[in-house]
Amino acid sequence: MGVLTAIQRFSLHDGPGIRSTVFFKGCNMRCAWCHNPETLSPNPEVLYYTSKCVGCGACAAVCPSHTVVDGKMVYDRSKCRDEGRCASVCFSGALEICGFEADVDKVLFEVMQDEDYYARSGGGVTLSGGEVLLQPDFAAQILRALRARGVHTAIESNLNVPFATLEGLLPDLDLVMCDLKTWDDELHRKYTGVSNARIKENIARLKETGVPVIVRTPVIPGVNDSAEEIAAIAAFAAQLPNLLYYELLNFNPLGSSKYLALDAENAFASARPLPADALEALAEAARGVCPAVRVG
């Protein structure tokens, strides 16, 4: 059994072809710009979208964390036990329970419905997060079952784990996609909460595995959007003989509503994606040291 946040079908941005992406819940980094904040906690939690609330009071009837004050719903998250009763009676969609337990059979039932699309498009299934390597046994079971069915497999990971954790999954992996957020370790600690030393070491060790690799960097305004940072990461990635390409991912602001729904601080609420010409200039800096560079 594992804890997931979603299984997304017809995904076009999590590896080659048409894919299904399985999002694992829980992460061991705290990137200040995370656009999936609902995946950070390993536990189920309630998202409250106030703009959808119609004030019917159904949630208050089943859960003590909800009360009606002056005709408006008030949600006290400190009283919440994330049982999901409130979400189950919320017809307007203002309340959602994020996170559910699943076994391998449930995952396979969902993702194998699109088996024909994988075959026709060169796609498959990607395990993502959160951080998939925090639930390695569950991930290994899914990958093994998919490999037995001839489905292309991939993971998206921050690689901030002991290499042995990844090593156990490699026999059933066709692709590893990993992020290196910044080259400068001080910047990495400041904005993600952890050092990047182990991440660099793990990426370097991937060259021993023979498994195809894509190294990616989310480009964050005011953090790593300099030619020096990007070129340093690109040069490092270029040393991998099994590198398919190095990819720059423009800043994604679409997590703002989720921060509000979680009553969480969004440090990059006012940030915006880089203009196309600025992103392309960074890509050119990367191409100067890496033969294969893409902009996502």
C-alpha atoms as a PDB file:
ATOM      1  CA  MET A   1       0.000   0.000   0.000  1.00  0.00           C
ATOM      2  CA  GLY A   2       1.061   3.580  -0.610  1.00  0.00           C
ATOM      3  CA  VAL A   3      -0.320   7.106  -0.317  1.00  0.00           C
ATOM      4  CA  LEU A   4      -1.010   9.034  -3.526  1.00  0.00           C
ATOM      5  CA  THR A   5      -2.489  12.404  -4.416  1.00  0.00           C
ATOM      6  CA  ALA A   6      -3.673  11.622  -7.947  1.00  0.00           C
ATOM      7  CA  ILE A   7      -3.377   9.413 -10.999  1.00  0.00           C
ATOM      8  CA  GLN A   8      -3.387  11.653 -14.053  1.00  0.00           C
ATOM      9  CA  ARG A   9      -4.142  10.133 -17.430  1.00  0.00           C
ATOM     10  CA  PHE A  10      -3.173  11.587 -20.827  1.00  0.00           C
ATOM     11  CA  SER A  11      -0.162  13.418 -19.470  1.00  0.00           C
ATOM     12  CA  LEU A  12       2.131  14.904 -22.134  1.00  0.00           C
ATOM     13  CA  HIS A  13       4.824  16.530 -19.987  1.00  0.00           C
ATOM     14  CA  ASP A  14       6.133  13.724 -17.767  1.00  0.00           C
ATOM     15  CA  GLY A  15       8.188  11.760 -20.266  1.00  0.00           C
ATOM     16  CA  PRO A  16       7.863  10.591 -23.873  1.00  0.00           C
ATOM     17  CA  GLY A  17       4.545   9.955 -25.565  1.00  0.00           C
ATOM     18  CA  ILE A  18       1.135   9.784 -23.938  1.00  0.00           C
ATOM     19  CA  ARG A  19       1.513   8.770 -20.311  1.00  0.00           C
ATOM     20  CA  SER A  20      -0.246   8.271 -17.038  1.00  0.00           C
ATOM     21  CA  THR A  21       1.417   9.988 -14.091  1.00  0.00           C
ATOM     22  CA  VAL A  22       1.069   8.568 -10.604  1.00  0.00           C
ATOM     23  CA  PHE A  23       1.642  11.287  -7.986  1.00  0.00           C
ATOM     24  CA  PHE A  24       3.051  10.046  -4.668  1.00  0.00           C
ATOM     25  CA  LYS A  25       2.304  12.043  -1.511  1.00  0.00           C
ATOM     26  CA  GLY A  26       5.126  13.319   0.705  1.00  0.00           C
ATOM     27  CA  CYS A  27       8.360  15.139  -0.067  1.00  0.00           C
ATOM     28  CA  ASN A  28      11.739  15.490   1.670  1.00  0.00           C
ATOM     29  CA  MET A  29      12.459  18.945   0.250  1.00  0.00           C
ATOM     30  CA  ARG A  30      10.659  22.243   0.716  1.00  0.00           C
ATOM     31  CA  CYS A  31      11.219  24.199  -2.479  1.00  0.00           C
ATOM     32  CA  ALA A  32       9.942  27.706  -1.848  1.00  0.00           C
ATOM     33  CA  TRP A  33       8.342  27.828  -5.304  1.00  0.00           C
ATOM     34  CA  CYS A  34       6.687  24.379  -5.254  1.00  0.00           C
ATOM     35  CA  HIS A  35       3.624  24.369  -7.517  1.00  0.00           C
ATOM     36  CA  ASN A  36       2.250  21.162  -5.968  1.00  0.00           C
ATOM     37  CA  PRO A  37       2.183  22.061  -2.239  1.00  0.00           C
ATOM     38  CA  GLU A  38      -0.541  19.489  -1.633  1.00  0.00           C
ATOM     39  CA  THR A  39       2.068  16.751  -2.234  1.00  0.00           C
ATOM     40  CA  LEU A  40       4.492  17.906   0.483  1.00  0.00           C
ATOM     41  CA  SER A  41       2.864  16.304   3.522  1.00  0.00           C
ATOM     42  CA  PRO A  42       2.864  12.490   3.575  1.00  0.00           C
ATOM     43  CA  ASN A  43      -0.593  12.491   5.153  1.00  0.00           C
ATOM     44  CA  PRO A  44      -4.049  13.138   3.689  1.00  0.00           C
ATOM     45  CA  GLU A  45      -5.179  16.736   4.186  1.00  0.00           C
ATOM     46  CA  VAL A  46      -8.136  18.973   3.423  1.00  0.00           C
ATOM     47  CA  LEU A  47      -8.029  21.671   0.753  1.00  0.00           C
ATOM     48  CA  TYR A  48     -10.583  24.448   1.252  1.00  0.00           C
ATOM     49  CA  TYR A  49     -11.397  26.585  -1.795  1.00  0.00           C
ATOM     50  CA  THR A  50     -13.283  29.496  -0.254  1.00  0.00           C
ATOM     51  CA  SER A  51     -14.353  30.862  -3.648  1.00  0.00           C
ATOM     52  CA  LYS A  52     -16.465  27.739  -4.191  1.00  0.00           C
ATOM     53  CA  CYS A  53     -18.104  27.775  -0.754  1.00  0.00           C
ATOM     54  CA  VAL A  54     -21.849  28.530  -0.770  1.00  0.00           C
ATOM     55  CA  GLY A  55     -22.175  28.578   3.039  1.00  0.00           C
ATOM     56  CA  CYS A  56     -24.636  25.703   3.246  1.00  0.00           C
ATOM     57  CA  GLY A  57     -23.223  24.488   6.562  1.00  0.00           C
ATOM     58  CA  ALA A  58     -23.239  20.788   5.644  1.00  0.00           C
ATOM     59  CA  CYS A  59     -19.576  20.462   6.627  1.00  0.00           C
ATOM     60  CA  ALA A  60     -20.212  21.992  10.074  1.00  0.00           C
ATOM     61  CA  ALA A  61     -22.830  19.326  10.738  1.00  0.00           C
ATOM     62  CA  VAL A  62     -20.268  16.519  10.428  1.00  0.00           C
ATOM     63  CA  CYS A  63     -16.942  18.081  11.430  1.00  0.00           C
ATOM     64  CA  PRO A  64     -16.028  20.313  14.433  1.00  0.00           C
ATOM     65  CA  SER A  65     -13.330  22.139  12.439  1.00  0.00           C
ATOM     66  CA  HIS A  66     -16.079  23.950  10.479  1.00  0.00           C
ATOM     67  CA  THR A  67     -18.392  26.548  11.994  1.00  0.00           C
ATOM     68  CA  VAL A  68     -20.721  29.236  10.696  1.00  0.00           C
ATOM     69  CA  VAL A  69     -19.873  32.767  11.911  1.00  0.00           C
ATOM     70  CA  ASP A  70     -22.022  35.703  10.778  1.00  0.00           C
ATOM     71  CA  GLY A  71     -23.309  33.667   7.868  1.00  0.00           C
ATOM     72  CA  LYS A  72     -19.868  32.659   6.668  1.00  0.00           C
ATOM     73  CA  MET A  73     -18.038  29.375   6.948  1.00  0.00           C
ATOM     74  CA  VAL A  74     -14.934  29.396   9.154  1.00  0.00           C
ATOM     75  CA  TYR A  75     -12.463  26.516   8.947  1.00  0.00           C
ATOM     76  CA  ASP A  76     -10.164  25.889  11.918  1.00  0.00           C
ATOM     77  CA  ARG A  77      -7.433  23.636  10.492  1.00  0.00           C
ATOM     78  CA  SER A  78      -6.012  22.992  13.983  1.00  0.00           C
ATOM     79  CA  LYS A  79      -9.119  20.928  14.775  1.00  0.00           C
ATOM     80  CA  CYS A  80      -9.016  18.981  11.533  1.00  0.00           C
ATOM     81  CA  ARG A  81      -8.302  15.241  11.613  1.00  0.00           C
ATOM     82  CA  ASP A  82      -8.273  14.911   7.818  1.00  0.00           C
ATOM     83  CA  GLU A  83     -10.949  12.244   7.935  1.00  0.00           C
ATOM     84  CA  GLY A  84     -12.639  13.579   4.826  1.00  0.00           C
ATOM     85  CA  ARG A  85     -16.170  13.661   6.212  1.00  0.00           C
ATOM     86  CA  CYS A  86     -16.526  17.351   5.417  1.00  0.00           C
ATOM     87  CA  ALA A  87     -15.413  16.862   1.831  1.00  0.00           C
ATOM     88  CA  SER A  88     -17.822  13.976   1.360  1.00  0.00           C
ATOM     89  CA  VAL A  89     -20.826  16.222   2.052  1.00  0.00           C
ATOM     90  CA  CYS A  90     -19.577  19.317   0.205  1.00  0.00           C
ATOM     91  CA  PHE A  91     -21.600  19.409  -3.016  1.00  0.00           C
ATOM     92  CA  SER A  92     -20.028  22.660  -4.274  1.00  0.00           C
ATOM     93  CA  GLY A  93     -16.481  21.288  -4.394  1.00  0.00           C
ATOM     94  CA  ALA A  94     -15.142  23.814  -1.897  1.00  0.00           C
ATOM     95  CA  LEU A  95     -13.659  21.032   0.224  1.00  0.00           C
ATOM     96  CA  GLU A  96     -11.404  18.297  -1.127  1.00  0.00           C
ATOM     97  CA  ILE A  97      -9.506  15.594   0.699  1.00  0.00           C
ATOM     98  CA  CYS A  98      -6.054  15.296  -0.831  1.00  0.00           C
ATOM     99  CA  GLY A  99      -4.337  11.949  -0.404  1.00  0.00           C
ATOM    100  CA  PHE A 100      -5.614   8.388  -0.568  1.00  0.00           C
ATOM    101  CA  GLU A 101      -4.287   4.928   0.075  1.00  0.00           C
ATOM    102  CA  ALA A 102      -3.859   2.653  -2.914  1.00  0.00           C
ATOM    103  CA  ASP A 103      -2.449  -0.760  -3.630  1.00  0.00           C
ATOM    104  CA  VAL A 104      -0.719  -1.967  -6.778  1.00  0.00           C
ATOM    105  CA  ASP A 105      -3.917  -3.445  -8.212  1.00  0.00           C
ATOM    106  CA  LYS A 106      -5.720  -0.100  -7.940  1.00  0.00           C
ATOM    107  CA  VAL A 107      -2.885   1.711  -9.711  1.00  0.00           C
ATOM    108  CA  LEU A 108      -2.710  -0.894 -12.461  1.00  0.00           C
ATOM    109  CA  PHE A 109      -6.478  -0.794 -12.971  1.00  0.00           C
ATOM    110  CA  GLU A 110      -6.262   2.949 -13.642  1.00  0.00           C
ATOM    111  CA  VAL A 111      -3.134   3.153 -15.769  1.00  0.00           C
ATOM    112  CA  MET A 112      -3.626   0.038 -17.899  1.00  0.00           C
ATOM    113  CA  GLN A 113      -6.846   1.467 -19.342  1.00  0.00           C
ATOM    114  CA  ASP A 114      -4.618   3.493 -21.664  1.00  0.00           C
ATOM    115  CA  GLU A 115      -2.282   0.669 -22.658  1.00  0.00           C
ATOM    116  CA  ASP A 116      -3.095   1.104 -26.356  1.00  0.00           C
ATOM    117  CA  TYR A 117      -2.211   4.817 -26.236  1.00  0.00           C
ATOM    118  CA  TYR A 118       1.162   4.015 -24.667  1.00  0.00           C
ATOM    119  CA  ALA A 119       1.950   1.547 -27.425  1.00  0.00           C
ATOM    120  CA  ARG A 120       0.913   3.870 -30.255  1.00  0.00           C
ATOM    121  CA  SER A 121       2.659   7.003 -28.922  1.00  0.00           C
ATOM    122  CA  GLY A 122       5.779   5.533 -27.332  1.00  0.00           C
ATOM    123  CA  GLY A 123       4.419   6.533 -23.951  1.00  0.00           C
ATOM    124  CA  GLY A 124       3.998   4.756 -20.637  1.00  0.00           C
ATOM    125  CA  VAL A 125       3.677   5.404 -16.922  1.00  0.00           C
ATOM    126  CA  THR A 126       5.619   7.901 -14.809  1.00  0.00           C
ATOM    127  CA  LEU A 127       5.834   7.816 -11.019  1.00  0.00           C
ATOM    128  CA  SER A 128       6.120  11.340  -9.662  1.00  0.00           C
ATOM    129  CA  GLY A 129       5.371  13.323  -6.515  1.00  0.00           C
ATOM    130  CA  GLY A 130       5.973  14.701  -4.043  1.00  0.00           C
ATOM    131  CA  GLU A 131       8.931  12.389  -3.932  1.00  0.00           C
ATOM    132  CA  VAL A 132       8.410   8.875  -5.217  1.00  0.00           C
ATOM    133  CA  LEU A 133      11.580   7.540  -3.559  1.00  0.00           C
ATOM    134  CA  LEU A 134      10.099   8.109  -0.099  1.00  0.00           C
ATOM    135  CA  GLN A 135       7.863   5.095  -0.817  1.00  0.00           C
ATOM    136  CA  PRO A 136      10.413   2.866  -2.572  1.00  0.00           C
ATOM    137  CA  ASP A 137       8.819  -0.507  -1.870  1.00  0.00           C
ATOM    138  CA  PHE A 138       5.456   0.567  -3.241  1.00  0.00           C
ATOM    139  CA  ALA A 139       7.134   2.173  -6.255  1.00  0.00           C
ATOM    140  CA  ALA A 140       9.175  -0.973  -6.921  1.00  0.00           C
ATOM    141  CA  GLN A 141       6.049  -3.132  -6.910  1.00  0.00           C
ATOM    142  CA  ILE A 142       4.301  -0.854  -9.415  1.00  0.00           C
ATOM    143  CA  LEU A 143       7.330  -0.664 -11.711  1.00  0.00           C
ATOM    144  CA  ARG A 144       7.840  -4.424 -11.640  1.00  0.00           C
ATOM    145  CA  ALA A 145       4.204  -5.034 -12.552  1.00  0.00           C
ATOM    146  CA  LEU A 146       4.340  -2.511 -15.385  1.00  0.00           C
ATOM    147  CA  ARG A 147       7.584  -3.922 -16.764  1.00  0.00           C
ATOM    148  CA  ALA A 148       6.012  -7.399 -16.774  1.00  0.00           C
ATOM    149  CA  ARG A 149       3.238  -5.942 -18.954  1.00  0.00           C
ATOM    150  CA  GLY A 150       5.658  -4.328 -21.379  1.00  0.00           C
ATOM    151  CA  VAL A 151       4.862  -0.744 -20.345  1.00  0.00           C
ATOM    152  CA  HIS A 152       7.571   1.950 -20.545  1.00  0.00           C
ATOM    153  CA  THR A 153       8.401   3.154 -17.030  1.00  0.00           C
ATOM    154  CA  ALA A 154       9.841   6.404 -15.678  1.00  0.00           C
ATOM    155  CA  ILE A 155      10.252   8.280 -12.423  1.00  0.00           C
ATOM    156  CA  GLU A 156      10.559  11.974 -11.618  1.00  0.00           C
ATOM    157  CA  SER A 157      12.718  12.470  -8.526  1.00  0.00           C
ATOM    158  CA  ASN A 158      14.753  15.022  -6.610  1.00  0.00           C
ATOM    159  CA  LEU A 159      17.274  12.192  -5.848  1.00  0.00           C
ATOM    160  CA  ASN A 160      17.697  13.463  -2.295  1.00  0.00           C
ATOM    161  CA  VAL A 161      17.924   9.916  -0.927  1.00  0.00           C
ATOM    162  CA  PRO A 162      20.689   7.335  -0.450  1.00  0.00           C
ATOM    163  CA  PHE A 163      21.652   5.941  -3.855  1.00  0.00           C
ATOM    164  CA  ALA A 164      20.758   2.433  -2.681  1.00  0.00           C
ATOM    165  CA  THR A 165      17.103   3.538  -2.546  1.00  0.00           C
ATOM    166  CA  LEU A 166      17.147   4.348  -6.260  1.00  0.00           C
ATOM    167  CA  GLU A 167      19.323   1.367  -7.114  1.00  0.00           C
ATOM    168  CA  GLY A 168      16.601  -1.074  -6.123  1.00  0.00           C
ATOM    169  CA  LEU A 169      14.263   0.400  -8.744  1.00  0.00           C
ATOM    170  CA  LEU A 170      16.700   0.609 -11.657  1.00  0.00           C
ATOM    171  CA  PRO A 171      16.130  -2.910 -13.074  1.00  0.00           C
ATOM    172  CA  ASP A 172      12.525  -1.973 -13.825  1.00  0.00           C
ATOM    173  CA  LEU A 173      13.127   1.602 -15.030  1.00  0.00           C
ATOM    174  CA  ASP A 174      13.358   2.803 -18.625  1.00  0.00           C
ATOM    175  CA  LEU A 175      13.954   6.462 -17.746  1.00  0.00           C
ATOM    176  CA  VAL A 176      15.050   8.582 -14.800  1.00  0.00           C
ATOM    177  CA  MET A 177      14.070  12.264 -14.781  1.00  0.00           C
ATOM    178  CA  CYS A 178      15.756  14.229 -12.019  1.00  0.00           C
ATOM    179  CA  ASP A 179      15.986  17.861 -10.965  1.00  0.00           C
ATOM    180  CA  LEU A 180      19.018  19.892 -10.004  1.00  0.00           C
ATOM    181  CA  LYS A 181      17.486  23.145  -8.793  1.00  0.00           C
ATOM    182  CA  THR A 182      20.651  25.210  -8.308  1.00  0.00           C
ATOM    183  CA  TRP A 183      24.365  24.626  -8.706  1.00  0.00           C
ATOM    184  CA  ASP A 184      25.295  26.786  -5.724  1.00  0.00           C
ATOM    185  CA  ASP A 185      24.867  24.782  -2.538  1.00  0.00           C
ATOM    186  CA  GLU A 186      24.104  27.822  -0.383  1.00  0.00           C
ATOM    187  CA  LEU A 187      21.276  28.811  -2.717  1.00  0.00           C
ATOM    188  CA  HIS A 188      19.996  25.249  -2.663  1.00  0.00           C
ATOM    189  CA  ARG A 189      19.929  25.156   1.126  1.00  0.00           C
ATOM    190  CA  LYS A 190      18.209  28.534   1.302  1.00  0.00           C
ATOM    191  CA  TYR A 191      15.400  27.732  -1.108  1.00  0.00           C
ATOM    192  CA  THR A 192      14.889  23.967  -0.696  1.00  0.00           C
ATOM    193  CA  GLY A 193      15.975  23.356   2.900  1.00  0.00           C
ATOM    194  CA  VAL A 194      18.646  20.794   1.994  1.00  0.00           C
ATOM    195  CA  SER A 195      22.146  20.614   0.521  1.00  0.00           C
ATOM    196  CA  ASN A 196      22.521  19.556  -3.102  1.00  0.00           C
ATOM    197  CA  ALA A 197      25.693  17.532  -2.438  1.00  0.00           C
ATOM    198  CA  ARG A 198      23.942  14.159  -2.299  1.00  0.00           C
ATOM    199  CA  ILE A 199      21.826  15.058  -5.331  1.00  0.00           C
ATOM    200  CA  LYS A 200      24.933  15.836  -7.385  1.00  0.00           C
ATOM    201  CA  GLU A 201      26.577  12.620  -6.235  1.00  0.00           C
ATOM    202  CA  ASN A 202      23.537  10.565  -7.185  1.00  0.00           C
ATOM    203  CA  ILE A 203      23.257  12.195 -10.615  1.00  0.00           C
ATOM    204  CA  ALA A 204      26.942  11.489 -11.250  1.00  0.00           C
ATOM    205  CA  ARG A 205      26.439   7.849 -10.277  1.00  0.00           C
ATOM    206  CA  LEU A 206      23.633   7.469 -12.799  1.00  0.00           C
ATOM    207  CA  LYS A 207      26.273   7.249 -15.541  1.00  0.00           C
ATOM    208  CA  GLU A 208      27.189   3.812 -14.165  1.00  0.00           C
ATOM    209  CA  THR A 209      23.657   2.477 -14.611  1.00  0.00           C
ATOM    210  CA  GLY A 210      23.082   2.758 -18.346  1.00  0.00           C
ATOM    211  CA  VAL A 211      19.496   3.896 -17.718  1.00  0.00           C
ATOM    212  CA  PRO A 212      18.561   6.924 -19.876  1.00  0.00           C
ATOM    213  CA  VAL A 213      18.506  10.168 -17.894  1.00  0.00           C
ATOM    214  CA  ILE A 214      16.924  13.602 -18.287  1.00  0.00           C
ATOM    215  CA  VAL A 215      18.287  16.319 -15.994  1.00  0.00           C
ATOM    216  CA  ARG A 216      16.008  19.316 -15.475  1.00  0.00           C
ATOM    217  CA  THR A 217      16.092  22.688 -13.799  1.00  0.00           C
ATOM    218  CA  PRO A 218      13.002  24.733 -12.937  1.00  0.00           C
ATOM    219  CA  VAL A 219      14.016  28.312 -13.724  1.00  0.00           C
ATOM    220  CA  ILE A 220      12.930  30.508 -10.832  1.00  0.00           C
ATOM    221  CA  PRO A 221      12.961  34.323 -11.127  1.00  0.00           C
ATOM    222  CA  GLY A 222      15.553  35.853  -8.822  1.00  0.00           C
ATOM    223  CA  VAL A 223      16.945  32.482  -7.725  1.00  0.00           C
ATOM    224  CA  ASN A 224      18.703  30.571 -10.499  1.00  0.00           C
ATOM    225  CA  ASP A 225      17.871  32.602 -13.605  1.00  0.00           C
ATOM    226  CA  SER A 226      21.478  33.486 -14.431  1.00  0.00           C
ATOM    227  CA  ALA A 227      23.633  32.197 -17.257  1.00  0.00           C
ATOM    228  CA  GLU A 228      26.312  31.167 -14.745  1.00  0.00           C
ATOM    229  CA  GLU A 229      23.964  28.952 -12.695  1.00  0.00           C
ATOM    230  CA  ILE A 230      22.370  27.319 -15.714  1.00  0.00           C
ATOM    231  CA  ALA A 231      25.663  26.757 -17.563  1.00  0.00           C
ATOM    232  CA  ALA A 232      27.205  25.124 -14.487  1.00  0.00           C
ATOM    233  CA  ILE A 233      24.319  22.657 -14.182  1.00  0.00           C
ATOM    234  CA  ALA A 234      24.299  21.983 -17.927  1.00  0.00           C
ATOM    235  CA  ALA A 235      28.036  21.259 -17.969  1.00  0.00           C
ATOM    236  CA  PHE A 236      27.585  18.825 -15.097  1.00  0.00           C
ATOM    237  CA  ALA A 237      24.707  17.062 -16.872  1.00  0.00           C
ATOM    238  CA  ALA A 238      26.720  16.840 -20.103  1.00  0.00           C
ATOM    239  CA  GLN A 239      29.184  14.487 -18.392  1.00  0.00           C
ATOM    240  CA  LEU A 240      26.557  11.724 -18.328  1.00  0.00           C
ATOM    241  CA  PRO A 241      26.991   9.393 -21.327  1.00  0.00           C
ATOM    242  CA  ASN A 242      23.366   8.247 -20.857  1.00  0.00           C
ATOM    243  CA  LEU A 243      21.941  11.793 -20.829  1.00  0.00           C
ATOM    244  CA  LEU A 244      19.073  12.197 -23.288  1.00  0.00           C
ATOM    245  CA  TYR A 245      18.952  15.964 -22.780  1.00  0.00           C
ATOM    246  CA  TYR A 246      19.069  18.775 -20.244  1.00  0.00           C
ATOM    247  CA  GLU A 247      15.767  20.617 -19.874  1.00  0.00           C
ATOM    248  CA  LEU A 248      14.883  24.071 -18.598  1.00  0.00           C
ATOM    249  CA  LEU A 249      11.408  24.357 -17.099  1.00  0.00           C
ATOM    250  CA  ASN A 250       9.944  27.832 -16.854  1.00  0.00           C
ATOM    251  CA  PHE A 251       8.568  28.921 -13.479  1.00  0.00           C
ATOM    252  CA  ASN A 252       5.051  27.567 -12.927  1.00  0.00           C
ATOM    253  CA  PRO A 253       2.713  29.893 -10.945  1.00  0.00           C
ATOM    254  CA  LEU A 254      -0.298  27.583 -11.078  1.00  0.00           C
ATOM    255  CA  GLY A 255      -0.001  26.415  -7.483  1.00  0.00           C
ATOM    256  CA  SER A 256      -1.279  29.690  -6.006  1.00  0.00           C
ATOM    257  CA  SER A 257      -4.840  28.480  -5.445  1.00  0.00           C
ATOM    258  CA  LYS A 258      -3.542  25.369  -3.658  1.00  0.00           C
ATOM    259  CA  TYR A 259      -1.533  27.467  -1.204  1.00  0.00           C
ATOM    260  CA  LEU A 260      -4.693  29.392  -0.359  1.00  0.00           C
ATOM    261  CA  ALA A 261      -6.658  26.162  -0.014  1.00  0.00           C
ATOM    262  CA  LEU A 262      -4.045  24.836   2.426  1.00  0.00           C
ATOM    263  CA  ASP A 263      -3.733  28.110   4.383  1.00  0.00           C
ATOM    264  CA  ALA A 264      -0.028  27.981   3.508  1.00  0.00           C
ATOM    265  CA  GLU A 265       2.416  30.782   2.753  1.00  0.00           C
ATOM    266  CA  ASN A 266       3.341  31.200  -0.911  1.00  0.00           C
ATOM    267  CA  ALA A 267       6.753  32.876  -1.036  1.00  0.00           C
ATOM    268  CA  PHE A 268       6.552  33.260  -4.832  1.00  0.00           C
ATOM    269  CA  ALA A 269       2.955  34.439  -5.106  1.00  0.00           C
ATOM    270  CA  SER A 270       3.956  37.533  -7.073  1.00  0.00           C
ATOM    271  CA  ALA A 271       6.530  35.812  -9.304  1.00  0.00           C
ATOM    272  CA  ARG A 272       5.831  35.268 -12.983  1.00  0.00           C
ATOM    273  CA  PRO A 273       7.347  32.998 -15.648  1.00  0.00           C
ATOM    274  CA  LEU A 274      10.378  34.297 -17.510  1.00  0.00           C
ATOM    275  CA  PRO A 275       9.716  35.921 -20.900  1.00  0.00           C
ATOM    276  CA  ALA A 276      10.427  33.615 -23.826  1.00  0.00           C
ATOM    277  CA  ASP A 277      13.516  35.549 -24.906  1.00  0.00           C
ATOM    278  CA  ALA A 278      15.032  35.441 -21.418  1.00  0.00           C
ATOM    279  CA  LEU A 279      14.449  31.697 -21.168  1.00  0.00           C
ATOM    280  CA  GLU A 280      15.950  31.165 -24.607  1.00  0.00           C
ATOM    281  CA  ALA A 281      19.039  33.150 -23.599  1.00  0.00           C
ATOM    282  CA  LEU A 282      19.535  30.762 -20.691  1.00  0.00           C
ATOM    283  CA  ALA A 283      19.069  27.829 -23.046  1.00  0.00           C
ATOM    284  CA  GLU A 284      21.814  29.236 -25.286  1.00  0.00           C
ATOM    285  CA  ALA A 285      24.126  29.456 -22.276  1.00  0.00           C
ATOM    286  CA  ALA A 286      23.382  25.795 -21.582  1.00  0.00           C
ATOM    287  CA  ARG A 287      23.961  24.792 -25.214  1.00  0.00           C
ATOM    288  CA  GLY A 288      27.441  26.244 -25.007  1.00  0.00           C
ATOM    289  CA  VAL A 289      28.427  23.408 -22.676  1.00  0.00           C
ATOM    290  CA  CYS A 290      25.816  20.688 -23.289  1.00  0.00           C
ATOM    291  CA  PRO A 291      24.988  19.221 -26.728  1.00  0.00           C
ATOM    292  CA  ALA A 292      21.320  18.466 -26.012  1.00  0.00           C
ATOM    293  CA  VAL A 293      19.174  21.171 -24.396  1.00  0.00           C
ATOM    294  CA  ARG A 294      15.422  21.609 -24.413  1.00  0.00           C
ATOM    295  CA  VAL A 295      13.042  24.212 -23.058  1.00  0.00           C
ATOM    296  CA  GLY A 296       9.910  22.804 -21.453  1.00  0.00           C
END
